[in-house]
Protein backbone atom coordinates (compact mmCIF):
# COMPACT_ATOMS: atom_id res chain seq x y z
CA MET A 1 -10.47 -35.52 5.90
CA ALA A 2 -7.87 -38.06 5.14
CA PRO A 3 -6.88 -40.80 7.94
CA THR A 4 -4.07 -39.62 10.24
CA SER A 5 -0.56 -40.71 9.37
CA SER A 6 0.66 -44.05 11.20
CA ALA A 7 3.51 -41.99 12.79
CA THR A 8 2.99 -40.72 16.48
CA THR A 9 0.93 -37.59 16.46
CA SER A 10 0.67 -34.77 18.81
CA PRO A 11 -3.14 -34.07 19.40
CA ARG A 12 -2.45 -30.31 20.33
CA ARG A 13 -0.16 -29.42 17.72
CA PHE A 14 -1.11 -28.36 14.28
CA ILE A 15 0.58 -26.82 10.99
CA ALA A 16 -1.34 -23.67 9.95
CA ILE A 17 -1.08 -22.32 6.31
CA ASP A 18 -2.37 -18.89 5.21
CA ILE A 19 -2.50 -18.71 1.52
CA GLY A 20 -2.86 -15.01 0.02
CA GLY A 21 -2.29 -13.37 -3.19
CA THR A 22 1.06 -11.95 -2.33
CA LYS A 23 2.43 -14.42 0.31
CA ILE A 24 2.09 -17.76 1.82
CA ALA A 25 2.41 -17.83 5.74
CA SER A 26 3.09 -20.89 7.73
CA ALA A 27 3.46 -21.70 11.47
CA ILE A 28 3.29 -24.47 14.01
CA VAL A 29 0.21 -23.71 16.24
CA GLU A 30 -0.17 -25.36 19.79
CA LEU A 31 -3.71 -25.37 21.23
CA ALA A 32 -2.45 -24.55 24.78
CA SER A 33 -4.33 -22.83 27.61
CA PRO A 34 -5.20 -19.93 27.93
CA LEU A 35 -4.00 -18.95 24.47
CA PRO A 36 -2.52 -20.95 21.60
CA LEU A 37 1.18 -20.78 20.97
CA VAL A 38 2.28 -19.78 17.46
CA SER A 39 5.87 -20.54 16.59
CA ASN A 40 8.24 -20.92 13.78
CA LYS A 41 6.29 -18.45 11.56
CA SER A 42 7.59 -18.11 7.97
CA GLU A 43 6.48 -16.49 4.77
CA VAL A 44 7.21 -17.14 1.09
CA PRO A 45 5.90 -15.35 -1.86
CA THR A 46 2.94 -16.71 -3.62
CA PRO A 47 3.75 -17.51 -7.21
CA ALA A 48 0.37 -16.25 -8.26
CA ARG A 49 1.16 -15.50 -11.79
CA SER A 50 2.82 -19.00 -12.36
CA GLY A 51 -0.45 -20.76 -11.63
CA SER A 52 -2.20 -23.13 -9.19
CA LYS A 53 0.28 -25.99 -9.61
CA ALA A 54 3.08 -23.73 -8.44
CA VAL A 55 1.03 -22.27 -5.56
CA VAL A 56 0.32 -25.88 -4.42
CA GLU A 57 4.00 -26.87 -4.57
CA ALA A 58 4.91 -23.71 -2.56
CA VAL A 59 2.23 -24.93 0.13
CA PHE A 60 3.94 -28.22 0.07
CA GLU A 61 7.30 -26.52 0.64
CA SER A 62 5.94 -24.64 3.69
CA VAL A 63 4.32 -27.69 5.24
CA ARG A 64 7.61 -29.73 4.69
CA ARG A 65 9.43 -26.96 6.43
CA CYS A 66 7.14 -27.15 9.40
CA LEU A 67 7.38 -30.78 9.46
CA ALA A 68 11.25 -30.65 9.54
CA LEU A 69 10.89 -28.81 12.89
CA GLU A 70 8.79 -31.27 14.56
CA ASN A 71 9.61 -34.57 16.38
CA GLU A 72 6.09 -35.87 16.20
CA ALA A 73 3.50 -35.66 13.33
CA PRO A 74 0.93 -32.80 13.86
CA ALA A 75 -2.64 -33.66 14.49
CA ALA A 76 -3.77 -32.07 11.33
CA ILE A 77 -3.04 -29.39 8.72
CA GLY A 78 -5.30 -26.22 8.71
CA ILE A 79 -5.24 -24.12 5.51
CA ALA A 80 -6.80 -20.49 5.10
CA SER A 81 -6.79 -19.67 1.46
CA ALA A 82 -7.91 -17.02 -0.81
CA GLY A 83 -10.98 -17.75 -2.90
CA VAL A 84 -14.44 -19.35 -1.92
CA VAL A 85 -13.70 -22.75 -0.49
CA ASN A 86 -15.95 -25.53 -0.33
CA THR A 87 -15.30 -26.41 3.28
CA GLU A 88 -16.82 -29.90 3.04
CA THR A 89 -14.32 -30.94 0.18
CA GLY A 90 -11.58 -28.35 0.77
CA ALA A 91 -11.69 -27.32 -2.89
CA ILE A 92 -11.24 -23.78 -4.26
CA ILE A 93 -14.79 -23.42 -6.07
CA SER A 94 -14.37 -19.71 -7.07
CA ALA A 95 -11.62 -17.21 -7.16
CA THR A 96 -10.59 -14.00 -8.85
CA ASP A 97 -7.62 -14.08 -11.31
CA LEU A 98 -5.32 -12.78 -8.40
CA ILE A 99 -4.02 -16.42 -8.29
CA LYS A 100 -3.93 -17.71 -12.06
CA GLY A 101 -6.31 -20.90 -12.43
CA TRP A 102 -6.89 -21.07 -8.60
CA ALA A 103 -10.65 -21.88 -9.06
CA GLY A 104 -11.13 -25.54 -9.22
CA THR A 105 -8.01 -26.65 -7.21
CA PRO A 106 -8.62 -29.45 -5.02
CA LEU A 107 -6.48 -28.03 -2.44
CA ALA A 108 -7.20 -30.31 0.62
CA LYS A 109 -7.10 -33.45 -1.34
CA LEU A 110 -3.74 -32.54 -2.99
CA VAL A 111 -2.12 -31.73 0.46
CA GLU A 112 -3.75 -34.85 2.13
CA GLU A 113 -2.37 -37.01 -0.58
CA GLU A 114 1.01 -35.58 -0.43
CA PHE A 115 1.36 -35.87 3.50
CA GLY A 116 -1.04 -38.46 4.70
CA LEU A 117 -2.39 -36.03 7.44
CA PRO A 118 -6.01 -34.72 7.99
CA VAL A 119 -6.36 -31.33 6.29
CA ALA A 120 -9.14 -28.74 6.78
CA THR A 121 -9.44 -25.83 4.57
CA LEU A 122 -11.45 -22.67 4.55
CA ASN A 123 -11.46 -18.96 3.11
CA ASP A 124 -8.67 -16.76 4.51
CA VAL A 125 -11.09 -14.08 5.81
CA HIS A 126 -13.33 -16.54 7.29
CA ALA A 127 -10.16 -18.04 9.05
CA HIS A 128 -9.18 -14.44 10.16
CA ALA A 129 -12.63 -13.88 11.61
CA LEU A 130 -12.75 -17.23 13.40
CA GLY A 131 -9.27 -16.49 14.88
CA GLU A 132 -10.35 -12.92 16.06
CA CYS A 133 -13.71 -14.26 17.40
CA THR A 134 -11.97 -17.24 19.22
CA TYR A 135 -9.06 -15.55 20.71
CA GLY A 136 -8.92 -11.83 19.66
CA ALA A 137 -11.09 -8.72 19.59
CA GLY A 138 -14.25 -10.67 19.24
CA LYS A 139 -13.82 -13.28 21.83
CA GLU A 140 -16.17 -11.57 24.50
CA TYR A 141 -19.06 -11.38 21.96
CA GLY A 142 -21.59 -14.05 20.96
CA SER A 143 -21.91 -12.71 17.29
CA VAL A 144 -19.52 -10.72 15.16
CA LEU A 145 -19.52 -9.11 11.75
CA ALA A 146 -15.92 -9.26 10.84
CA VAL A 147 -14.43 -7.13 7.99
CA ALA A 148 -10.88 -7.44 6.68
CA VAL A 149 -9.85 -4.32 4.79
CA GLY A 150 -6.61 -4.66 2.94
CA THR A 151 -5.59 -5.16 -0.59
CA GLY A 152 -9.29 -6.18 -1.22
CA ILE A 153 -12.24 -6.22 1.32
CA GLY A 154 -13.65 -9.56 2.79
CA GLY A 155 -15.74 -10.56 5.59
CA ALA A 156 -17.43 -13.01 7.73
CA ILE A 157 -20.41 -13.64 10.22
CA VAL A 158 -19.59 -15.61 13.32
CA ALA A 159 -22.32 -16.61 15.74
CA ASP A 160 -21.78 -18.65 18.88
CA GLY A 161 -18.28 -19.46 17.67
CA LYS A 162 -19.45 -20.76 14.49
CA LEU A 163 -18.95 -19.47 10.84
CA HIS A 164 -22.01 -18.67 8.76
CA MET A 165 -20.79 -20.17 5.39
CA GLY A 166 -23.94 -19.48 3.27
CA ALA A 167 -25.51 -21.70 0.76
CA HIS A 168 -22.48 -21.38 -1.70
CA PHE A 169 -19.69 -20.99 1.01
CA ALA A 170 -19.64 -17.31 0.05
CA ALA A 171 -21.05 -15.54 3.20
CA GLY A 172 -19.42 -12.44 4.14
CA HIS A 173 -18.43 -10.70 0.96
CA VAL A 174 -18.54 -7.30 2.41
CA GLY A 175 -16.56 -5.70 -0.21
CA HIS A 176 -19.04 -6.56 -2.90
CA VAL A 177 -21.83 -4.59 -1.63
CA PRO A 178 -22.84 -1.82 -4.35
CA HIS A 179 -22.22 1.74 -3.32
CA PRO A 180 -22.82 5.07 -5.18
CA LEU A 181 -19.23 6.20 -4.50
CA ALA A 182 -17.82 3.19 -6.45
CA ALA A 183 -20.12 3.84 -9.59
CA GLY A 184 -18.01 3.29 -12.66
CA PHE A 185 -15.08 1.74 -10.95
CA PRO A 186 -14.26 -1.72 -11.95
CA CYS A 187 -14.28 -4.51 -9.22
CA SER A 188 -11.94 -7.46 -8.72
CA CYS A 189 -14.86 -9.84 -9.05
CA GLY A 190 -15.52 -8.65 -12.69
CA ALA A 191 -18.55 -6.37 -11.83
CA SER A 192 -18.40 -2.73 -11.12
CA GLY A 193 -19.59 -0.32 -8.51
CA HIS A 194 -18.72 -2.40 -5.41
CA ILE A 195 -17.44 -0.69 -2.29
CA GLU A 196 -14.18 -2.76 -2.49
CA SER A 197 -13.22 -0.72 -5.56
CA VAL A 198 -12.89 2.59 -3.78
CA ALA A 199 -12.48 1.60 -0.03
CA SER A 200 -9.90 -1.07 -0.05
CA GLY A 201 -6.15 -0.17 -0.19
CA THR A 202 -6.04 -0.50 -4.01
CA GLY A 203 -9.37 1.21 -4.18
CA GLN A 204 -8.38 4.16 -2.30
CA VAL A 205 -5.47 4.52 -4.78
CA ASP A 206 -7.87 4.30 -7.72
CA LEU A 207 -10.31 6.67 -6.05
CA TYR A 208 -7.49 9.38 -5.52
CA ASN A 209 -5.99 9.12 -8.90
CA ALA A 210 -9.43 9.21 -10.64
CA ARG A 211 -9.65 12.80 -8.84
CA THR A 212 -6.46 14.00 -10.28
CA SER A 213 -5.26 14.90 -13.77
CA ALA A 214 -2.65 13.17 -15.66
CA ASN A 215 0.04 15.79 -15.03
CA GLU A 216 -0.66 15.63 -11.22
CA ASP A 217 1.30 13.65 -8.72
CA GLN A 218 -0.56 10.37 -8.54
CA ALA A 219 -0.78 8.02 -5.34
CA LYS A 220 0.96 4.55 -5.51
CA SER A 221 -0.40 3.02 -2.06
CA GLY A 222 -2.91 3.64 0.52
CA ARG A 223 -0.14 4.32 3.01
CA GLU A 224 1.11 7.08 0.74
CA ILE A 225 -2.45 8.73 0.78
CA THR A 226 -2.58 8.51 4.53
CA GLN A 227 0.72 10.11 4.78
CA ARG A 228 -0.37 12.98 2.40
CA ALA A 229 -3.43 13.38 4.49
CA GLN A 230 -1.61 13.63 7.72
CA ALA A 231 0.59 16.40 5.96
CA GLY A 232 -2.52 18.34 5.48
CA GLU A 233 -3.23 17.55 1.71
CA ALA A 234 -7.03 18.22 1.01
CA LEU A 235 -7.38 15.67 -1.68
CA ALA A 236 -5.99 12.90 0.36
CA THR A 237 -7.89 13.88 3.33
CA GLN A 238 -11.23 13.95 1.25
CA VAL A 239 -10.34 10.36 -0.26
CA LEU A 240 -9.85 9.09 3.29
CA THR A 241 -13.10 10.61 4.49
CA ASP A 242 -15.04 9.33 1.47
CA SER A 243 -13.69 5.81 1.43
CA GLY A 244 -14.00 5.47 5.24
CA ALA A 245 -17.64 6.81 4.97
CA GLY A 246 -18.53 4.57 2.14
CA LEU A 247 -17.47 1.39 4.01
CA GLY A 248 -19.14 2.63 7.17
CA ASP A 249 -22.24 2.85 4.98
CA ALA A 250 -21.89 -0.65 3.85
CA ILE A 251 -21.15 -2.07 7.13
CA ALA A 252 -24.26 -0.27 8.63
CA GLY A 253 -26.22 -1.91 5.92
CA ILE A 254 -24.99 -5.54 6.55
CA ALA A 255 -25.35 -5.04 10.27
CA ASN A 256 -29.09 -3.93 9.78
CA CYS A 257 -29.40 -7.36 8.27
CA VAL A 258 -27.62 -9.56 10.36
CA ASP A 259 -27.78 -7.78 13.83
CA PRO A 260 -24.23 -8.58 15.40
CA GLN A 261 -23.05 -7.75 18.83
CA ALA A 262 -19.85 -6.25 17.48
CA VAL A 263 -18.06 -5.31 14.43
CA VAL A 264 -14.33 -6.21 14.13
CA LEU A 265 -12.15 -4.47 11.61
CA SER A 266 -8.78 -5.70 10.50
CA GLY A 267 -6.33 -5.35 7.69
CA SER A 268 -3.65 -2.63 6.65
CA VAL A 269 -6.29 0.00 5.71
CA THR A 270 -7.40 0.16 9.40
CA ARG A 271 -4.10 1.97 9.89
CA SER A 272 -5.37 4.70 7.78
CA GLY A 273 -5.62 7.10 10.80
CA GLU A 274 -8.20 8.97 12.63
CA ILE A 275 -9.76 10.64 9.58
CA TRP A 276 -10.76 7.27 8.17
CA TRP A 277 -11.93 5.93 11.61
CA SER A 278 -14.00 8.95 12.17
CA ALA A 279 -15.67 8.94 8.85
CA LEU A 280 -16.26 5.13 8.95
CA LYS A 281 -17.93 5.31 12.51
CA ASN A 282 -20.07 8.46 11.64
CA ALA A 283 -21.33 6.83 8.59
CA PHE A 284 -22.06 3.69 10.60
CA GLN A 285 -24.08 5.80 13.20
CA ALA A 286 -26.04 7.59 10.36
CA GLY A 287 -27.00 4.35 8.58
CA ALA A 288 -27.58 1.97 11.46
CA LEU A 289 -31.03 1.20 12.62
CA PRO A 290 -31.71 3.09 16.06
CA ILE A 291 -31.39 -0.05 18.09
CA LEU A 292 -28.08 -0.97 16.56
CA LYS A 293 -26.09 2.30 16.98
CA GLU A 294 -24.50 1.13 20.01
CA ILE A 295 -22.82 -1.78 18.32
CA GLU A 296 -19.16 -1.74 18.98
CA ILE A 297 -16.83 -1.15 16.35
CA LEU A 298 -13.44 -2.79 17.43
CA GLU A 299 -9.89 -3.06 15.72
CA GLY A 300 -8.65 -6.58 15.51
CA THR A 301 -5.81 -7.47 17.88
CA LEU A 302 -4.15 -10.58 16.30
CA GLY A 303 -2.64 -9.15 13.16
CA SER A 304 -1.22 -11.61 11.08
CA ASP A 305 -1.68 -14.54 13.48
CA ALA A 306 -5.60 -14.33 13.16
CA PRO A 307 -5.84 -16.53 9.90
CA LEU A 308 -3.30 -19.12 11.31
CA LEU A 309 -5.26 -19.40 14.58
CA GLY A 310 -8.60 -19.42 12.68
CA ALA A 311 -7.34 -22.30 10.26
CA THR A 312 -6.14 -24.31 13.27
CA THR A 313 -9.37 -23.90 15.24
CA TRP A 314 -11.17 -25.07 11.96
CA ALA A 315 -9.02 -28.01 11.71
CA ALA A 316 -9.26 -28.93 15.35
CA SER A 317 -13.11 -28.62 15.21
CA LYS A 318 -13.09 -30.81 11.89
CA LEU A 319 -10.86 -33.31 13.60
CA GLU A 320 -13.09 -33.52 16.68
CA GLY A 321 -16.08 -34.15 14.46
CA VAL A 322 -14.44 -37.07 12.95
CA GLU A 323 -13.62 -38.41 16.18
CA ASN A 324 -17.14 -38.04 17.60
CA GLU A 325 -18.29 -40.03 14.64
CA ARG A 326 -16.31 -43.09 15.48
């Protein structure tokens, strides 16, 4: 982390940035008691196809917007980002092509140089999990397996308030667990047969359309599939059942390895309705070890605030670590 700016800083106020494949969200977060205060939220489209330089400039603009609203410099900038993030250097060390040329971007360094403020960066799903486990659905549990199910599927393991990063900063890739339902389906990571390719929002669409003929009415979104299922369509109902059960299988397998106290699910696909939830929970029960069948499966409560709060929590902890070293 870079030295703080020479300007007067507010020790409890942070700028939080959440970089996804489709949007960049920003906010000012104050670490107040009992809950943080999130204000001045804003979103801009991610110029993903224009490449990393354009995305970094969009991040700069988001930070500038927040700074213009503040009388004092914030304590630090917390960034949640798509891709595998080296949390020690703040660089993107691996990424899919969702954001063109994102891998290799020294994100924290660039933001630090631009604004002269401390910057802490972590993966967006890791940030989402840290937010939920600190302030949301997982806050009462000592260990949580967090799963984010949206356009893709990500995850994280949090124990005693700390993220498990793994040897390569890649722990928690729930979506990249192989599953028979996904056999032959290409995954965003370049492999095939991973559960994400049939159980994410886009995966549900691919699974549905693979089961239709060319002249049949194909689905365009996971929401559309949910609506068709609610209207009684048999194919949509089966797709929600199969994709939910497949993800439940995968989560049970991971839970059998890491033994969390709870599982927290977030993301747009969690709004797929009772058909999906029942299939997921039943599959989890069928696959979990007997002693783990009572693990609670919870829905996240923080929505889009979760990664912003997680990024702030991460930045505050890194800042505290620097202060303690002095």
